[in-house]
């Protein structure tokens, strides 16, 4: 039996679960300004994935990078969710 697909699926699920609270906390404490950090992390991971010979590890690193890049959009969407009152606004941040 081959478990590569299942491992990639579980890794994708866990990676998305990893980024979700990070996006929420980033917006709460820093707003959308750190989107550049997400961009650098995402691009670094995607480029690194292209140089990793092991297909499984390359896929996991690529998914991590793609999730970081997707997090940029989610960071700006999170700002809208806060404005709508769906999430709390940080009273210490202007």
PDB file of N, CA and C in Angstrom:
ATOM      1  N   UNK A   1       0.838  -1.182   0.000  1.00  0.00           N
ATOM      2  CA  UNK A   1       0.000   0.000   0.000  1.00  0.00           C
ATOM      3  C   UNK A   1       0.881   1.243   0.000  1.00  0.00           C
ATOM      4  N   UNK A   2       0.346   2.292  -0.595  1.00  0.00           N
ATOM      5  CA  UNK A   2       1.062   3.566  -0.675  1.00  0.00           C
ATOM      6  C   UNK A   2       0.306   4.615   0.127  1.00  0.00           C
ATOM      7  N   UNK A   3       1.000   5.280   1.000  1.00  0.00           N
ATOM      8  CA  UNK A   3       0.382   6.252   1.887  1.00  0.00           C
ATOM      9  C   UNK A   3       0.726   7.698   1.535  1.00  0.00           C
ATOM     10  N   UNK A   4       1.407   7.918   0.433  1.00  0.00           N
ATOM     11  CA  UNK A   4       1.851   9.262   0.073  1.00  0.00           C
ATOM     12  C   UNK A   4       0.685  10.240  -0.025  1.00  0.00           C
ATOM     13  N   UNK A   5      -0.359   9.869  -0.704  1.00  0.00           N
ATOM     14  CA  UNK A   5      -1.521  10.756  -0.855  1.00  0.00           C
ATOM     15  C   UNK A   5      -2.172  11.089   0.468  1.00  0.00           C
ATOM     16  N   UNK A   6      -2.296  10.087   1.330  1.00  0.00           N
ATOM     17  CA  UNK A   6      -2.898  10.308   2.653  1.00  0.00           C
ATOM     18  C   UNK A   6      -2.006  11.220   3.490  1.00  0.00           C
ATOM     19  N   UNK A   7      -0.704  11.019   3.427  1.00  0.00           N
ATOM     20  CA  UNK A   7       0.226  11.860   4.191  1.00  0.00           C
ATOM     21  C   UNK A   7       0.153  13.304   3.710  1.00  0.00           C
ATOM     22  N   UNK A   8       0.091  13.510   2.404  1.00  0.00           N
ATOM     23  CA  UNK A   8      -0.025  14.869   1.867  1.00  0.00           C
ATOM     24  C   UNK A   8      -1.354  15.489   2.282  1.00  0.00           C
ATOM     25  N   UNK A   9      -2.431  14.719   2.245  1.00  0.00           N
ATOM     26  CA  UNK A   9      -3.748  15.237   2.644  1.00  0.00           C
ATOM     27  C   UNK A   9      -3.760  15.642   4.113  1.00  0.00           C
ATOM     28  N   UNK A  10      -3.225  14.803   4.971  1.00  0.00           N
ATOM     29  CA  UNK A  10      -3.186  15.119   6.401  1.00  0.00           C
ATOM     30  C   UNK A  10      -2.275  16.324   6.643  1.00  0.00           C
ATOM     31  N   UNK A  11      -1.152  16.372   5.948  1.00  0.00           N
ATOM     32  CA  UNK A  11      -0.249  17.512   6.087  1.00  0.00           C
ATOM     33  C   UNK A  11      -0.922  18.814   5.640  1.00  0.00           C
ATOM     34  N   UNK A  12      -1.678  18.741   4.570  1.00  0.00           N
ATOM     35  CA  UNK A  12      -2.408  19.918   4.094  1.00  0.00           C
ATOM     36  C   UNK A  12      -3.420  20.363   5.133  1.00  0.00           C
ATOM     37  N   UNK A  13      -4.172  19.437   5.674  1.00  0.00           N
ATOM     38  CA  UNK A  13      -5.163  19.738   6.701  1.00  0.00           C
ATOM     39  C   UNK A  13      -4.497  20.386   7.919  1.00  0.00           C
ATOM     40  N   UNK A  14      -3.390  19.824   8.370  1.00  0.00           N
ATOM     41  CA  UNK A  14      -2.692  20.364   9.538  1.00  0.00           C
ATOM     42  C   UNK A  14      -2.072  21.730   9.249  1.00  0.00           C
ATOM     43  N   UNK A  15      -1.572  21.914   8.043  1.00  0.00           N
ATOM     44  CA  UNK A  15      -0.980  23.199   7.680  1.00  0.00           C
ATOM     45  C   UNK A  15      -2.030  24.300   7.667  1.00  0.00           C
ATOM     46  N   UNK A  16      -3.186  24.011   7.105  1.00  0.00           N
ATOM     47  CA  UNK A  16      -4.270  24.990   7.107  1.00  0.00           C
ATOM     48  C   UNK A  16      -4.693  25.289   8.544  1.00  0.00           C
ATOM     49  N   UNK A  17      -4.772  24.248   9.361  1.00  0.00           N
ATOM     50  CA  UNK A  17      -5.107  24.434  10.771  1.00  0.00           C
ATOM     51  C   UNK A  17      -4.046  25.223  11.514  1.00  0.00           C
ATOM     52  N   UNK A  18      -2.802  25.121  11.086  1.00  0.00           N
ATOM     53  CA  UNK A  18      -1.697  25.878  11.674  1.00  0.00           C
ATOM     54  C   UNK A  18      -1.807  27.359  11.318  1.00  0.00           C
ATOM     55  N   UNK A  19      -2.102  27.675  10.059  1.00  0.00           N
ATOM     56  CA  UNK A  19      -2.131  29.064   9.607  1.00  0.00           C
ATOM     57  C   UNK A  19      -3.366  29.821  10.065  1.00  0.00           C
ATOM     58  N   UNK A  20      -4.484  29.139  10.246  1.00  0.00           N
ATOM     59  CA  UNK A  20      -5.727  29.827  10.601  1.00  0.00           C
ATOM     60  C   UNK A  20      -5.594  30.674  11.868  1.00  0.00           C
ATOM     61  N   UNK A  21      -5.157  30.116  12.997  1.00  0.00           N
ATOM     62  CA  UNK A  21      -5.029  30.970  14.191  1.00  0.00           C
ATOM     63  C   UNK A  21      -3.902  32.001  14.074  1.00  0.00           C
ATOM     64  N   UNK A  22      -2.877  31.705  13.290  1.00  0.00           N
ATOM     65  CA  UNK A  22      -1.801  32.677  13.101  1.00  0.00           C
ATOM     66  C   UNK A  22      -2.328  33.921  12.388  1.00  0.00           C
ATOM     67  N   UNK A  23      -3.158  33.723  11.378  1.00  0.00           N
ATOM     68  CA  UNK A  23      -3.750  34.854  10.660  1.00  0.00           C
ATOM     69  C   UNK A  23      -4.607  35.690  11.613  1.00  0.00           C
ATOM     70  N   UNK A  24      -5.415  35.041  12.427  1.00  0.00           N
ATOM     71  CA  UNK A  24      -6.287  35.750  13.360  1.00  0.00           C
ATOM     72  C   UNK A  24      -5.455  36.559  14.357  1.00  0.00           C
ATOM     73  N   UNK A  25      -4.450  35.942  14.941  1.00  0.00           N
ATOM     74  CA  UNK A  25      -3.606  36.633  15.925  1.00  0.00           C
ATOM     75  C   UNK A  25      -2.789  37.748  15.279  1.00  0.00           C
ATOM     76  N   UNK A  26      -2.306  37.526  14.063  1.00  0.00           N
ATOM     77  CA  UNK A  26      -1.538  38.559  13.370  1.00  0.00           C
ATOM     78  C   UNK A  26      -2.390  39.796  13.156  1.00  0.00           C
ATOM     79  N   UNK A  27      -3.611  39.605  12.678  1.00  0.00           N
ATOM     80  CA  UNK A  27      -4.490  40.750  12.445  1.00  0.00           C
ATOM     81  C   UNK A  27      -4.827  41.435  13.755  1.00  0.00           C
ATOM     82  N   UNK A  28      -5.049  40.689  14.801  1.00  0.00           N
ATOM     83  CA  UNK A  28      -5.419  41.259  16.095  1.00  0.00           C
ATOM     84  C   UNK A  28      -4.302  42.143  16.650  1.00  0.00           C
ATOM     85  N   UNK A  29      -3.069  41.655  16.615  1.00  0.00           N
ATOM     86  CA  UNK A  29      -1.967  42.385  17.223  1.00  0.00           C
ATOM     87  C   UNK A  29      -1.270  43.384  16.289  1.00  0.00           C
ATOM     88  N   UNK A  30      -1.234  43.093  14.992  1.00  0.00           N
ATOM     89  CA  UNK A  30      -0.445  43.918  14.077  1.00  0.00           C
ATOM     90  C   UNK A  30      -1.218  44.479  12.896  1.00  0.00           C
ATOM     91  N   UNK A  31      -2.462  44.082  12.719  1.00  0.00           N
ATOM     92  CA  UNK A  31      -3.211  44.509  11.539  1.00  0.00           C
ATOM     93  C   UNK A  31      -2.748  43.742  10.310  1.00  0.00           C
ATOM     94  N   UNK A  32      -2.826  44.395   9.172  1.00  0.00           N
ATOM     95  CA  UNK A  32      -2.452  43.726   7.922  1.00  0.00           C
ATOM     96  C   UNK A  32      -1.018  44.037   7.492  1.00  0.00           C
ATOM     97  N   UNK A  33      -0.306  44.842   8.272  1.00  0.00           N
ATOM     98  CA  UNK A  33       1.060  45.241   7.897  1.00  0.00           C
ATOM     99  C   UNK A  33       2.020  44.075   7.683  1.00  0.00           C
ATOM    100  N   UNK A  34       1.937  42.984   8.432  1.00  0.00           N
ATOM    101  CA  UNK A  34       2.911  41.891   8.235  1.00  0.00           C
ATOM    102  C   UNK A  34       2.664  41.013   7.002  1.00  0.00           C
ATOM    103  N   UNK A  35       1.824  41.452   6.067  1.00  0.00           N
ATOM    104  CA  UNK A  35       1.557  40.622   4.899  1.00  0.00           C
ATOM    105  C   UNK A  35       2.847  40.322   4.129  1.00  0.00           C
ATOM    106  N   UNK A  36       3.817  41.214   4.205  1.00  0.00           N
ATOM    107  CA  UNK A  36       5.093  41.004   3.502  1.00  0.00           C
ATOM    108  C   UNK A  36       5.831  39.798   4.086  1.00  0.00           C
ATOM    109  N   UNK A  37       5.719  39.601   5.390  1.00  0.00           N
ATOM    110  CA  UNK A  37       6.356  38.446   6.027  1.00  0.00           C
ATOM    111  C   UNK A  37       5.734  37.154   5.497  1.00  0.00           C
ATOM    112  N   UNK A  38       4.415  37.148   5.359  1.00  0.00           N
ATOM    113  CA  UNK A  38       3.729  35.987   4.785  1.00  0.00           C
ATOM    114  C   UNK A  38       4.229  35.744   3.359  1.00  0.00           C
ATOM    115  N   UNK A  39       4.404  36.819   2.603  1.00  0.00           N
ATOM    116  CA  UNK A  39       4.888  36.701   1.230  1.00  0.00           C
ATOM    117  C   UNK A  39       6.287  36.085   1.192  1.00  0.00           C
ATOM    118  N   UNK A  40       7.180  36.580   2.041  1.00  0.00           N
ATOM    119  CA  UNK A  40       8.550  36.060   2.053  1.00  0.00           C
ATOM    120  C   UNK A  40       8.598  34.596   2.486  1.00  0.00           C
ATOM    121  N   UNK A  41       7.830  34.248   3.515  1.00  0.00           N
ATOM    122  CA  UNK A  41       7.781  32.856   3.974  1.00  0.00           C
ATOM    123  C   UNK A  41       7.219  31.960   2.869  1.00  0.00           C
ATOM    124  N   UNK A  42       6.131  32.404   2.258  1.00  0.00           N
ATOM    125  CA  UNK A  42       5.499  31.614   1.206  1.00  0.00           C
ATOM    126  C   UNK A  42       6.402  31.402   0.004  1.00  0.00           C
ATOM    127  N   UNK A  43       7.015  32.482  -0.459  1.00  0.00           N
ATOM    128  CA  UNK A  43       7.904  32.363  -1.616  1.00  0.00           C
ATOM    129  C   UNK A  43       9.117  31.495  -1.298  1.00  0.00           C
ATOM    130  N   UNK A  44       9.675  31.672  -0.110  1.00  0.00           N
ATOM    131  CA  UNK A  44      10.836  30.860   0.286  1.00  0.00           C
ATOM    132  C   UNK A  44      10.478  29.374   0.312  1.00  0.00           C
ATOM    133  N   UNK A  45       9.311  29.054   0.851  1.00  0.00           N
ATOM    134  CA  UNK A  45       8.902  27.651   0.929  1.00  0.00           C
ATOM    135  C   UNK A  45       8.619  27.074  -0.460  1.00  0.00           C
ATOM    136  N   UNK A  46       7.966  27.855  -1.306  1.00  0.00           N
ATOM    137  CA  UNK A  46       7.653  27.362  -2.656  1.00  0.00           C
ATOM    138  C   UNK A  46       8.938  27.138  -3.454  1.00  0.00           C
ATOM    139  N   UNK A  47       9.869  28.084  -3.353  1.00  0.00           N
ATOM    140  CA  UNK A  47      11.153  27.919  -4.055  1.00  0.00           C
ATOM    141  C   UNK A  47      11.910  26.727  -3.481  1.00  0.00           C
ATOM    142  N   UNK A  48      11.909  26.594  -2.159  1.00  0.00           N
ATOM    143  CA  UNK A  48      12.591  25.461  -1.531  1.00  0.00           C
ATOM    144  C   UNK A  48      11.988  24.141  -2.001  1.00  0.00           C
ATOM    145  N   UNK A  49      10.672  24.099  -2.148  1.00  0.00           N
ATOM    146  CA  UNK A  49      10.007  22.876  -2.589  1.00  0.00           C
ATOM    147  C   UNK A  49      10.476  22.442  -3.977  1.00  0.00           C
ATOM    148  N   UNK A  50      10.842  23.410  -4.802  1.00  0.00           N
ATOM    149  CA  UNK A  50      11.306  23.084  -6.151  1.00  0.00           C
ATOM    150  C   UNK A  50      12.685  22.426  -6.153  1.00  0.00           C
ATOM    151  N   UNK A  51      13.419  22.578  -5.061  1.00  0.00           N
ATOM    152  CA  UNK A  51      14.766  22.021  -4.991  1.00  0.00           C
ATOM    153  C   UNK A  51      14.862  20.784  -4.107  1.00  0.00           C
ATOM    154  N   UNK A  52      13.749  20.366  -3.534  1.00  0.00           N
ATOM    155  CA  UNK A  52      13.740  19.175  -2.677  1.00  0.00           C
ATOM    156  C   UNK A  52      13.448  17.963  -3.554  1.00  0.00           C
ATOM    157  N   UNK A  53      14.335  17.005  -3.530  1.00  0.00           N
ATOM    158  CA  UNK A  53      14.223  15.835  -4.409  1.00  0.00           C
ATOM    159  C   UNK A  53      13.142  14.869  -3.951  1.00  0.00           C
ATOM    160  N   UNK A  54      12.974  14.719  -2.651  1.00  0.00           N
ATOM    161  CA  UNK A  54      11.977  13.810  -2.105  1.00  0.00           C
ATOM    162  C   UNK A  54      10.574  14.356  -2.395  1.00  0.00           C
ATOM    163  N   UNK A  55       9.770  13.608  -3.128  1.00  0.00           N
ATOM    164  CA  UNK A  55       8.456  14.086  -3.566  1.00  0.00           C
ATOM    165  C   UNK A  55       7.525  14.389  -2.398  1.00  0.00           C
ATOM    166  N   UNK A  56       7.536  13.552  -1.386  1.00  0.00           N
ATOM    167  CA  UNK A  56       6.654  13.762  -0.242  1.00  0.00           C
ATOM    168  C   UNK A  56       7.034  15.038   0.512  1.00  0.00           C
ATOM    169  N   UNK A  57       8.305  15.193   0.824  1.00  0.00           N
ATOM    170  CA  UNK A  57       8.758  16.387   1.537  1.00  0.00           C
ATOM    171  C   UNK A  57       8.560  17.644   0.693  1.00  0.00           C
ATOM    172  N   UNK A  58       8.817  17.551  -0.591  1.00  0.00           N
ATOM    173  CA  UNK A  58       8.610  18.675  -1.493  1.00  0.00           C
ATOM    174  C   UNK A  58       7.145  19.102  -1.499  1.00  0.00           C
ATOM    175  N   UNK A  59       6.244  18.142  -1.517  1.00  0.00           N
ATOM    176  CA  UNK A  59       4.810  18.452  -1.509  1.00  0.00           C
ATOM    177  C   UNK A  59       4.406  19.131  -0.209  1.00  0.00           C
ATOM    178  N   UNK A  60       4.890  18.636   0.901  1.00  0.00           N
ATOM    179  CA  UNK A  60       4.536  19.212   2.200  1.00  0.00           C
ATOM    180  C   UNK A  60       5.075  20.644   2.309  1.00  0.00           C
ATOM    181  N   UNK A  61       6.308  20.873   1.903  1.00  0.00           N
ATOM    182  CA  UNK A  61       6.893  22.218   1.946  1.00  0.00           C
ATOM    183  C   UNK A  61       6.151  23.140   0.976  1.00  0.00           C
ATOM    184  N   UNK A  62       5.792  22.631  -0.185  1.00  0.00           N
ATOM    185  CA  UNK A  62       5.028  23.422  -1.150  1.00  0.00           C
ATOM    186  C   UNK A  62       3.658  23.800  -0.634  1.00  0.00           C
ATOM    187  N   UNK A  63       2.983  22.886   0.023  1.00  0.00           N
ATOM    188  CA  UNK A  63       1.673  23.171   0.622  1.00  0.00           C
ATOM    189  C   UNK A  63       1.821  24.224   1.715  1.00  0.00           C
ATOM    190  N   UNK A  64       2.873  24.107   2.522  1.00  0.00           N
ATOM    191  CA  UNK A  64       3.130  25.105   3.560  1.00  0.00           C
ATOM    192  C   UNK A  64       3.312  26.490   2.928  1.00  0.00           C
ATOM    193  N   UNK A  65       4.093  26.564   1.868  1.00  0.00           N
ATOM    194  CA  UNK A  65       4.320  27.839   1.183  1.00  0.00           C
ATOM    195  C   UNK A  65       3.053  28.397   0.556  1.00  0.00           C
ATOM    196  N   UNK A  66       2.289  27.535  -0.081  1.00  0.00           N
ATOM    197  CA  UNK A  66       1.033  27.978  -0.683  1.00  0.00           C
ATOM    198  C   UNK A  66       0.061  28.461   0.390  1.00  0.00           C
ATOM    199  N   UNK A  67       0.055  27.819   1.535  1.00  0.00           N
ATOM    200  CA  UNK A  67      -0.816  28.248   2.632  1.00  0.00           C
ATOM    201  C   UNK A  67      -0.383  29.602   3.176  1.00  0.00           C
ATOM    202  N   UNK A  68       0.915  29.843   3.238  1.00  0.00           N
ATOM    203  CA  UNK A  68       1.405  31.153   3.675  1.00  0.00           C
ATOM    204  C   UNK A  68       0.974  32.230   2.686  1.00  0.00           C
ATOM    205  N   UNK A  69       1.075  31.948   1.401  1.00  0.00           N
ATOM    206  CA  UNK A  69       0.644  32.905   0.392  1.00  0.00           C
ATOM    207  C   UNK A  69      -0.868  33.125   0.456  1.00  0.00           C
ATOM    208  N   UNK A  70      -1.619  32.079   0.663  1.00  0.00           N
ATOM    209  CA  UNK A  70      -3.066  32.186   0.808  1.00  0.00           C
ATOM    210  C   UNK A  70      -3.401  33.018   2.047  1.00  0.00           C
ATOM    211  N   UNK A  71      -2.561  32.923   3.066  1.00  0.00           N
ATOM    212  CA  UNK A  71      -2.763  33.669   4.305  1.00  0.00           C
ATOM    213  C   UNK A  71      -2.748  35.174   4.098  1.00  0.00           C
ATOM    214  N   UNK A  72      -2.085  35.658   3.054  1.00  0.00           N
ATOM    215  CA  UNK A  72      -2.087  37.093   2.754  1.00  0.00           C
ATOM    216  C   UNK A  72      -3.516  37.557   2.495  1.00  0.00           C
ATOM    217  N   UNK A  73      -4.209  36.852   1.636  1.00  0.00           N
ATOM    218  CA  UNK A  73      -5.604  37.199   1.353  1.00  0.00           C
ATOM    219  C   UNK A  73      -6.477  37.054   2.583  1.00  0.00           C
ATOM    220  N   UNK A  74      -6.229  36.012   3.352  1.00  0.00           N
ATOM    221  CA  UNK A  74      -7.020  35.784   4.562  1.00  0.00           C
ATOM    222  C   UNK A  74      -6.770  36.867   5.608  1.00  0.00           C
ATOM    223  N   UNK A  75      -5.570  37.414   5.635  1.00  0.00           N
ATOM    224  CA  UNK A  75      -5.254  38.492   6.562  1.00  0.00           C
ATOM    225  C   UNK A  75      -6.118  39.716   6.265  1.00  0.00           C
ATOM    226  N   UNK A  76      -6.275  40.058   4.993  1.00  0.00           N
ATOM    227  CA  UNK A  76      -7.115  41.189   4.617  1.00  0.00           C
ATOM    228  C   UNK A  76      -8.605  40.860   4.804  1.00  0.00           C
ATOM    229  N   UNK A  77      -8.978  39.613   4.573  1.00  0.00           N
ATOM    230  CA  UNK A  77     -10.360  39.197   4.841  1.00  0.00           C
ATOM    231  C   UNK A  77     -10.648  39.245   6.336  1.00  0.00           C
ATOM    232  N   UNK A  78      -9.663  38.898   7.151  1.00  0.00           N
ATOM    233  CA  UNK A  78      -9.833  38.942   8.603  1.00  0.00           C
ATOM    234  C   UNK A  78     -10.104  40.370   9.061  1.00  0.00           C
ATOM    235  N   UNK A  79      -9.441  41.322   8.441  1.00  0.00           N
ATOM    236  CA  UNK A  79      -9.696  42.727   8.767  1.00  0.00           C
ATOM    237  C   UNK A  79     -11.163  43.069   8.510  1.00  0.00           C
ATOM    238  N   UNK A  80     -11.720  42.575   7.411  1.00  0.00           N
ATOM    239  CA  UNK A  80     -13.133  42.816   7.109  1.00  0.00           C
ATOM    240  C   UNK A  80     -14.037  42.124   8.129  1.00  0.00           C
ATOM    241  N   UNK A  81     -13.655  40.931   8.546  1.00  0.00           N
ATOM    242  CA  UNK A  81     -14.450  40.214   9.551  1.00  0.00           C
ATOM    243  C   UNK A  81     -14.475  40.975  10.871  1.00  0.00           C
ATOM    244  N   UNK A  82     -13.346  41.574  11.229  1.00  0.00           N
ATOM    245  CA  UNK A  82     -13.276  42.377  12.454  1.00  0.00           C
ATOM    246  C   UNK A  82     -14.166  43.612  12.316  1.00  0.00           C
ATOM    247  N   UNK A  83     -14.118  44.253  11.157  1.00  0.00           N
ATOM    248  CA  UNK A  83     -14.959  45.436  10.922  1.00  0.00           C
ATOM    249  C   UNK A  83     -16.444  45.090  11.003  1.00  0.00           C
ATOM    250  N   UNK A  84     -16.811  43.900  10.591  1.00  0.00           N
ATOM    251  CA  UNK A  84     -18.216  43.456  10.656  1.00  0.00           C
ATOM    252  C   UNK A  84     -18.624  43.043  12.067  1.00  0.00           C
ATOM    253  N   UNK A  85     -17.636  42.920  12.953  1.00  0.00           N
ATOM    254  CA  UNK A  85     -17.927  42.535  14.324  1.00  0.00           C
ATOM    255  C   UNK A  85     -17.928  41.037  14.564  1.00  0.00           C
ATOM    256  N   UNK A  86     -17.445  40.278  13.602  1.00  0.00           N
ATOM    257  CA  UNK A  86     -17.424  38.821  13.741  1.00  0.00           C
ATOM    258  C   UNK A  86     -16.285  38.357  14.645  1.00  0.00           C
ATOM    259  N   UNK A  87     -15.236  39.182  14.748  1.00  0.00           N
ATOM    260  CA  UNK A  87     -14.089  38.888  15.597  1.00  0.00           C
ATOM    261  C   UNK A  87     -13.790  40.134  16.425  1.00  0.00           C
ATOM    262  N   UNK A  88     -13.190  39.976  17.596  1.00  0.00           N
ATOM    263  CA  UNK A  88     -12.917  41.149  18.428  1.00  0.00           C
ATOM    264  C   UNK A  88     -11.815  42.031  17.844  1.00  0.00           C
ATOM    265  N   UNK A  89     -11.965  43.337  18.070  1.00  0.00           N
ATOM    266  CA  UNK A  89     -10.956  44.295  17.646  1.00  0.00           C
ATOM    267  C   UNK A  89     -10.022  44.567  18.820  1.00  0.00           C
ATOM    268  N   UNK A  90      -8.749  44.704  18.547  1.00  0.00           N
ATOM    269  CA  UNK A  90      -7.780  44.983  19.584  1.00  0.00           C
ATOM    270  C   UNK A  90      -7.912  46.446  19.994  1.00  0.00           C
ATOM    271  N   UNK A  91      -8.343  46.719  21.224  1.00  0.00           N
ATOM    272  CA  UNK A  91      -8.538  48.127  21.627  1.00  0.00           C
ATOM    273  C   UNK A  91      -7.231  48.902  21.779  1.00  0.00           C
ATOM    274  N   UNK A  92      -6.113  48.215  21.915  1.00  0.00           N
ATOM    275  CA  UNK A  92      -4.812  48.881  22.079  1.00  0.00           C
ATOM    276  C   UNK A  92      -4.181  49.279  20.749  1.00  0.00           C
ATOM    277  N   UNK A  93      -4.718  48.758  19.655  1.00  0.00           N
ATOM    278  CA  UNK A  93      -4.148  49.043  18.332  1.00  0.00           C
ATOM    279  C   UNK A  93      -5.038  50.036  17.605  1.00  0.00           C
ATOM    280  N   UNK A  94      -4.409  51.007  16.967  1.00  0.00           N
ATOM    281  CA  UNK A  94      -5.194  52.011  16.223  1.00  0.00           C
ATOM    282  C   UNK A  94      -5.296  51.655  14.771  1.00  0.00           C
TER     283      UNK A  94
END
